[in-house]
Amino acid sequence: MNSNQSLKKILCKEYSFCLLFIILLSIVNSFYLFDDSRDYNSYRRIFNSIAGITNDQAIFYYQIGFNLINKIISFFTNNFKIYIFIITIISLTPKIFLIYNYSKNLYLSLLIYFLLVFPIYEYTQIRCGLALGILYLGINYLNKKKFFFSILSILISISIHFSSLAIFVGSYVLENLENLFKNKLKKNNFIIFLLIIISILILFQFEIFSYENIIKRIEQGYQARPGSIFSIRIFLLSLVTLIGIKYKKFLSQESSIWLNISILGIFIYYFFIFNISISHRFVTTTFFPYILWIENLPKSARDFSRFLILITSIITFIQFFN
């Protein structure tokens, strides 16, 4: 067997494993094999209402993108388990695609995803997980200079969950802050950013996004108790982030933006430490990019970062299902 045939065999094996990984996690999610998740009844109520099974109108504070996806799926099935299976596949696919393209150790990266990200999003906050998957795909398109698909993906993501806007704007500002001070801000980047902001304002103007609903969700969902300054998980992730900052010159331009999202998450966590709902909810949205950018670090730094993130992932998984 020559080297080309060997490479094709490895790629085929990895493709197959990624597909199996997505399907298995979607089955786990659709049957909630670990236990009923925190938001299980909320998502059932949303889907049943949109599918016409119930008349519960109170759920329509969710953003239009998520309601539209529910409506489309309800045309084909009114089975809630099938609905969760489909939406989990949609949520997982872009993130596993990115892992496949960035990771130098696919199986370890997928294990970290399963332990660190899956319990928080696909298993619990599927709407946010879905939005983040599409957002990260949009950022990847932006890295590849595919501007139309980038803008489309980012706007779809924001229409599903508004947290995507904060992540995109924050990461963009960090990405271009140094160039801004050096007067080297690229014209194309500025135009893309401006177009997305204008599009968002238009969507608000036509009430496709609603300020009133966003405020309502903040008032209902956020708790005013402080977070922990001494969180072991955040401390470990902060160490990994510092490693990334130290070795940033080794990162590709594409990986640099993923690091910026991680930096943003740590900053927001400690800046809003007085309110655990804001700090914790935001920092968890930035967990996934760690899996991507650490793969660009020098070997010793990469191995140590993987170890720290694996420990963080195990702690997260145990805490979540304990």
Protein backbone atom coordinates (compact mmCIF):
# COMPACT_ATOMS: atom_id res chain seq x y z
CA MET A 1 0.00 0.00 0.00
CA ASN A 2 1.52 3.36 -1.05
CA SER A 3 1.41 6.54 1.01
CA ASN A 4 -1.57 8.00 -0.90
CA GLN A 5 -3.67 4.90 -0.33
CA SER A 6 -2.68 4.87 3.34
CA LEU A 7 -3.67 8.54 3.72
CA LYS A 8 -7.03 7.93 2.03
CA LYS A 9 -7.68 5.02 4.37
CA ILE A 10 -6.92 7.17 7.41
CA LEU A 11 -9.13 10.01 6.13
CA CYS A 12 -11.97 7.60 5.43
CA LYS A 13 -11.64 6.18 8.94
CA GLU A 14 -11.69 9.66 10.48
CA TYR A 15 -14.68 10.77 8.37
CA SER A 16 -16.56 7.66 9.44
CA PHE A 17 -15.69 8.19 13.09
CA CYS A 18 -16.86 11.83 12.98
CA LEU A 19 -20.15 10.78 11.40
CA LEU A 20 -20.62 8.04 13.99
CA PHE A 21 -19.77 10.51 16.76
CA ILE A 22 -22.44 12.96 15.56
CA ILE A 23 -25.10 10.25 15.21
CA LEU A 24 -24.38 8.67 18.61
CA LEU A 25 -24.48 11.98 20.46
CA SER A 26 -27.70 12.89 18.64
CA ILE A 27 -29.25 9.61 19.80
CA VAL A 28 -28.05 10.24 23.36
CA ASN A 29 -29.61 13.69 23.19
CA SER A 30 -32.90 12.65 21.64
CA PHE A 31 -33.51 10.02 24.34
CA TYR A 32 -31.80 12.01 27.15
CA LEU A 33 -29.99 8.85 28.17
CA PHE A 34 -28.14 10.46 31.07
CA ASP A 35 -31.18 12.18 32.55
CA ASP A 36 -33.78 14.79 31.63
CA SER A 37 -31.89 18.01 30.98
CA ARG A 38 -32.68 21.31 32.70
CA ASP A 39 -34.40 22.77 29.63
CA TYR A 40 -36.06 19.56 28.41
CA ASN A 41 -39.64 20.67 29.19
CA SER A 42 -39.08 24.14 27.72
CA TYR A 43 -37.97 22.75 24.37
CA ARG A 44 -40.82 20.23 24.36
CA ARG A 45 -43.30 23.04 25.02
CA ILE A 46 -41.80 25.17 22.24
CA PHE A 47 -41.91 22.40 19.67
CA ASN A 48 -45.39 21.18 20.64
CA SER A 49 -46.76 24.72 20.34
CA ILE A 50 -45.17 25.39 16.94
CA ALA A 51 -46.19 21.92 15.69
CA GLY A 52 -49.79 22.68 16.68
CA ILE A 53 -49.98 19.99 19.35
CA THR A 54 -50.66 22.58 22.09
CA ASN A 55 -51.73 26.24 22.15
CA ASP A 56 -49.07 27.56 24.52
CA GLN A 57 -48.30 31.01 23.13
CA ALA A 58 -46.05 32.06 26.01
CA ILE A 59 -42.99 30.48 24.41
CA PHE A 60 -42.71 32.83 21.46
CA TYR A 61 -40.24 35.14 23.16
CA TYR A 62 -37.62 32.97 21.45
CA GLN A 63 -35.94 34.64 18.50
CA ILE A 64 -37.32 34.24 15.01
CA GLY A 65 -34.52 32.04 13.70
CA PHE A 66 -35.10 29.36 16.32
CA ASN A 67 -38.87 29.48 15.89
CA LEU A 68 -38.44 29.18 12.11
CA ILE A 69 -36.22 26.09 12.46
CA ASN A 70 -38.82 24.53 14.75
CA LYS A 71 -41.53 25.34 12.21
CA ILE A 72 -39.59 23.75 9.33
CA ILE A 73 -38.93 20.56 11.30
CA SER A 74 -42.58 20.40 12.38
CA PHE A 75 -43.60 20.17 8.70
CA PHE A 76 -41.90 16.75 8.57
CA THR A 77 -42.54 15.37 12.04
CA ASN A 78 -44.33 16.16 15.30
CA ASN A 79 -42.27 13.61 17.23
CA PHE A 80 -40.22 15.44 19.85
CA LYS A 81 -37.43 12.85 19.96
CA ILE A 82 -36.94 13.04 16.19
CA TYR A 83 -36.95 16.84 16.47
CA ILE A 84 -34.16 16.77 19.09
CA PHE A 85 -32.22 14.24 16.97
CA ILE A 86 -32.37 16.51 13.91
CA ILE A 87 -31.55 19.74 15.72
CA THR A 88 -28.62 18.08 17.54
CA ILE A 89 -27.17 16.94 14.21
CA ILE A 90 -27.48 20.51 12.88
CA SER A 91 -25.80 21.85 16.02
CA LEU A 92 -22.95 19.32 16.08
CA THR A 93 -22.05 19.18 12.39
CA PRO A 94 -20.32 22.58 11.96
CA LYS A 95 -18.36 22.18 15.20
CA ILE A 96 -17.19 18.66 14.40
CA PHE A 97 -16.29 19.89 10.90
CA LEU A 98 -14.07 22.57 12.46
CA ILE A 99 -12.49 20.10 14.87
CA TYR A 100 -11.72 17.78 11.97
CA ASN A 101 -10.01 20.61 10.07
CA TYR A 102 -8.00 22.02 12.99
CA SER A 103 -7.14 19.09 15.23
CA LYS A 104 -3.86 17.22 15.15
CA ASN A 105 -5.37 14.58 17.46
CA LEU A 106 -8.93 14.10 16.31
CA TYR A 107 -9.96 11.49 18.86
CA LEU A 108 -8.69 13.47 21.85
CA SER A 109 -10.35 16.64 20.57
CA LEU A 110 -13.67 14.81 20.19
CA LEU A 111 -13.33 13.40 23.70
CA ILE A 112 -12.76 16.91 25.06
CA TYR A 113 -15.79 18.14 23.13
CA PHE A 114 -17.95 15.36 24.57
CA LEU A 115 -16.84 16.10 28.14
CA LEU A 116 -16.61 19.90 28.01
CA VAL A 117 -19.08 21.30 25.47
CA PHE A 118 -21.77 18.66 24.81
CA PRO A 119 -23.26 18.60 28.35
CA ILE A 120 -23.60 22.40 28.48
CA TYR A 121 -25.04 22.99 25.03
CA GLU A 122 -26.36 20.08 22.96
CA TYR A 123 -27.62 18.30 26.08
CA THR A 124 -29.03 21.36 27.87
CA GLN A 125 -29.01 24.67 25.98
CA ILE A 126 -29.54 23.31 22.49
CA ARG A 127 -30.68 26.68 21.11
CA CYS A 128 -27.46 28.38 22.17
CA GLY A 129 -25.43 25.37 21.00
CA LEU A 130 -27.10 25.56 17.60
CA ALA A 131 -26.44 29.30 17.31
CA LEU A 132 -22.80 28.92 18.33
CA GLY A 133 -22.21 26.15 15.80
CA ILE A 134 -23.47 28.38 12.99
CA LEU A 135 -21.59 31.40 14.37
CA TYR A 136 -18.28 29.51 14.48
CA LEU A 137 -18.90 28.32 10.94
CA GLY A 138 -19.48 31.96 9.93
CA ILE A 139 -16.23 33.03 11.59
CA ASN A 140 -14.46 30.23 9.73
CA TYR A 141 -15.93 31.50 6.45
CA LEU A 142 -14.69 34.98 7.39
CA ASN A 143 -11.21 33.55 7.91
CA LYS A 144 -11.42 31.98 4.45
CA LYS A 145 -12.56 35.31 2.90
CA LYS A 146 -15.94 33.82 1.93
CA PHE A 147 -17.78 36.97 2.91
CA PHE A 148 -21.30 36.17 1.67
CA PHE A 149 -21.49 32.86 3.55
CA SER A 150 -19.85 34.49 6.55
CA ILE A 151 -22.41 37.30 6.83
CA LEU A 152 -25.29 34.90 6.19
CA SER A 153 -24.10 32.43 8.85
CA ILE A 154 -23.47 35.13 11.46
CA LEU A 155 -26.90 36.72 10.93
CA ILE A 156 -28.65 33.33 11.10
CA SER A 157 -26.75 32.61 14.31
CA ILE A 158 -27.80 35.91 15.89
CA SER A 159 -31.41 35.27 14.86
CA ILE A 160 -31.29 32.01 16.86
CA HIS A 161 -29.54 33.29 19.99
CA PHE A 162 -28.48 36.87 20.66
CA SER A 163 -25.32 35.90 22.56
CA SER A 164 -23.71 35.29 19.15
CA LEU A 165 -23.64 39.04 18.55
CA ALA A 166 -21.59 39.73 21.69
CA ILE A 167 -19.09 36.98 20.81
CA PHE A 168 -18.69 38.12 17.21
CA VAL A 169 -18.32 41.84 18.02
CA GLY A 170 -16.00 41.17 20.95
CA SER A 171 -13.75 38.81 19.02
CA TYR A 172 -13.67 41.17 16.03
CA VAL A 173 -12.63 44.12 18.23
CA LEU A 174 -9.84 42.09 19.84
CA GLU A 175 -8.70 40.78 16.45
CA ASN A 176 -8.31 44.27 15.04
CA LEU A 177 -7.37 46.26 18.15
CA GLU A 178 -3.62 46.07 17.54
CA ASN A 179 -4.01 46.96 13.85
CA LEU A 180 -6.33 49.81 14.79
CA PHE A 181 -3.68 51.42 16.98
CA LYS A 182 -1.11 50.91 14.23
CA ASN A 183 -3.47 52.36 11.59
CA LYS A 184 -3.34 49.07 9.69
CA LEU A 185 -6.99 48.11 9.98
CA LYS A 186 -7.88 46.30 6.77
CA LYS A 187 -10.53 48.00 4.68
CA ASN A 188 -12.30 44.71 3.84
CA ASN A 189 -12.57 43.76 7.53
CA PHE A 190 -14.09 47.12 8.38
CA ILE A 191 -16.60 46.90 5.52
CA ILE A 192 -17.69 43.38 6.53
CA PHE A 193 -18.08 44.44 10.15
CA LEU A 194 -20.06 47.52 9.15
CA LEU A 195 -22.37 45.51 6.87
CA ILE A 196 -23.16 43.03 9.63
CA ILE A 197 -23.91 45.79 12.15
CA ILE A 198 -26.16 47.60 9.64
CA SER A 199 -27.97 44.32 8.89
CA ILE A 200 -28.55 43.74 12.61
CA LEU A 201 -29.95 47.26 13.05
CA ILE A 202 -32.31 46.67 10.11
CA LEU A 203 -33.49 43.40 11.66
CA PHE A 204 -34.21 45.24 14.92
CA GLN A 205 -36.05 47.98 13.02
CA PHE A 206 -38.39 45.42 11.47
CA GLU A 207 -38.73 43.70 14.88
CA ILE A 208 -37.19 40.47 13.61
CA PHE A 209 -34.99 40.95 16.69
CA SER A 210 -36.77 42.49 19.66
CA TYR A 211 -35.18 44.64 22.35
CA GLU A 212 -38.20 44.00 24.56
CA ASN A 213 -37.80 40.24 24.35
CA ILE A 214 -34.06 40.43 25.04
CA ILE A 215 -34.66 42.52 28.19
CA LYS A 216 -37.40 40.10 29.26
CA ARG A 217 -35.06 37.15 28.91
CA ILE A 218 -32.35 38.96 30.90
CA GLU A 219 -34.78 39.79 33.70
CA GLN A 220 -36.13 36.23 33.81
CA GLY A 221 -32.90 34.30 33.42
CA TYR A 222 -30.14 36.18 35.21
CA GLN A 223 -29.45 35.70 38.90
CA ALA A 224 -27.83 38.48 40.90
CA ARG A 225 -25.54 36.30 43.06
CA PRO A 226 -21.77 36.53 42.49
CA GLY A 227 -19.63 33.92 40.77
CA SER A 228 -16.47 32.37 42.17
CA ILE A 229 -13.13 34.10 41.69
CA PHE A 230 -11.46 30.82 42.63
CA SER A 231 -13.25 28.56 40.12
CA ILE A 232 -10.84 25.72 39.31
CA ARG A 233 -12.18 25.37 35.76
CA ILE A 234 -11.78 29.06 34.95
CA PHE A 235 -8.35 29.11 36.58
CA LEU A 236 -7.20 26.21 34.36
CA LEU A 237 -8.66 27.82 31.25
CA SER A 238 -6.99 31.11 32.20
CA LEU A 239 -3.65 29.27 32.29
CA VAL A 240 -4.31 27.86 28.83
CA THR A 241 -5.27 31.34 27.59
CA LEU A 242 -2.02 32.79 28.99
CA ILE A 243 -0.09 30.04 27.19
CA GLY A 244 -1.90 31.06 23.99
CA ILE A 245 -1.01 34.71 24.49
CA LYS A 246 2.65 33.81 25.14
CA TYR A 247 2.88 31.73 21.95
CA LYS A 248 0.54 33.84 19.83
CA LYS A 249 3.25 34.43 17.24
CA PHE A 250 3.13 30.69 16.46
CA LEU A 251 -0.60 30.79 15.72
CA SER A 252 -1.93 31.15 12.21
CA GLN A 253 -4.15 34.13 11.46
CA GLU A 254 -7.13 31.76 11.40
CA SER A 255 -6.31 30.37 14.85
CA SER A 256 -5.70 33.84 16.27
CA ILE A 257 -9.39 34.76 16.22
CA TRP A 258 -10.28 31.59 18.15
CA LEU A 259 -7.75 32.61 20.81
CA ASN A 260 -9.34 36.06 20.94
CA ILE A 261 -12.72 34.48 21.71
CA SER A 262 -11.12 32.59 24.60
CA ILE A 263 -9.51 35.82 25.88
CA LEU A 264 -12.89 37.54 25.63
CA GLY A 265 -14.55 34.77 27.64
CA ILE A 266 -12.03 35.00 30.52
CA PHE A 267 -12.27 38.80 30.53
CA ILE A 268 -16.07 38.79 30.66
CA TYR A 269 -16.08 36.14 33.41
CA TYR A 270 -13.99 38.22 35.79
CA PHE A 271 -15.46 41.56 34.73
CA PHE A 272 -19.00 40.34 35.57
CA ILE A 273 -17.96 38.15 38.51
CA PHE A 274 -20.61 39.89 40.64
CA ASN A 275 -23.35 38.22 38.54
CA ILE A 276 -22.87 34.48 38.04
CA SER A 277 -25.49 34.19 35.30
CA ILE A 278 -23.76 36.71 33.05
CA SER A 279 -20.20 35.61 33.84
CA HIS A 280 -20.79 31.84 33.71
CA ARG A 281 -23.16 31.84 30.76
CA PHE A 282 -20.82 33.94 28.67
CA VAL A 283 -17.58 32.14 29.48
CA THR A 284 -19.12 28.76 28.59
CA THR A 285 -19.94 30.07 25.11
CA THR A 286 -16.18 30.44 24.58
CA PHE A 287 -15.19 26.89 25.64
CA PHE A 288 -15.29 25.41 22.14
CA PRO A 289 -12.61 27.63 20.49
CA TYR A 290 -9.98 26.28 22.92
CA ILE A 291 -10.22 22.93 21.12
CA LEU A 292 -9.27 24.65 17.86
CA TRP A 293 -6.51 27.14 18.59
CA ILE A 294 -4.41 25.04 20.98
CA GLU A 295 -3.67 22.73 18.05
CA ASN A 296 -1.49 25.47 16.54
CA LEU A 297 0.76 25.78 19.58
CA PRO A 298 4.31 24.37 19.67
CA LYS A 299 4.29 20.69 20.69
CA SER A 300 5.21 21.03 24.37
CA ALA A 301 2.78 23.93 24.89
CA ARG A 302 0.11 22.08 22.92
CA ASP A 303 0.46 18.91 24.97
CA PHE A 304 0.34 20.80 28.28
CA SER A 305 -2.68 22.83 27.13
CA ARG A 306 -4.46 19.65 26.07
CA PHE A 307 -3.79 18.19 29.52
CA LEU A 308 -5.21 21.27 31.29
CA ILE A 309 -8.30 21.34 29.08
CA LEU A 310 -8.85 17.61 29.54
CA ILE A 311 -8.79 18.09 33.33
CA THR A 312 -11.23 20.99 32.93
CA SER A 313 -13.45 18.80 30.75
CA ILE A 314 -13.54 15.95 33.28
CA ILE A 315 -14.43 18.38 36.08
CA THR A 316 -17.20 19.88 33.93
CA PHE A 317 -18.65 16.49 33.05
CA ILE A 318 -18.62 15.25 36.66
CA GLN A 319 -20.16 18.48 37.98
CA PHE A 320 -22.84 18.45 35.33
CA PHE A 321 -24.03 14.90 35.83
CA ASN A 322 -23.34 14.60 39.55
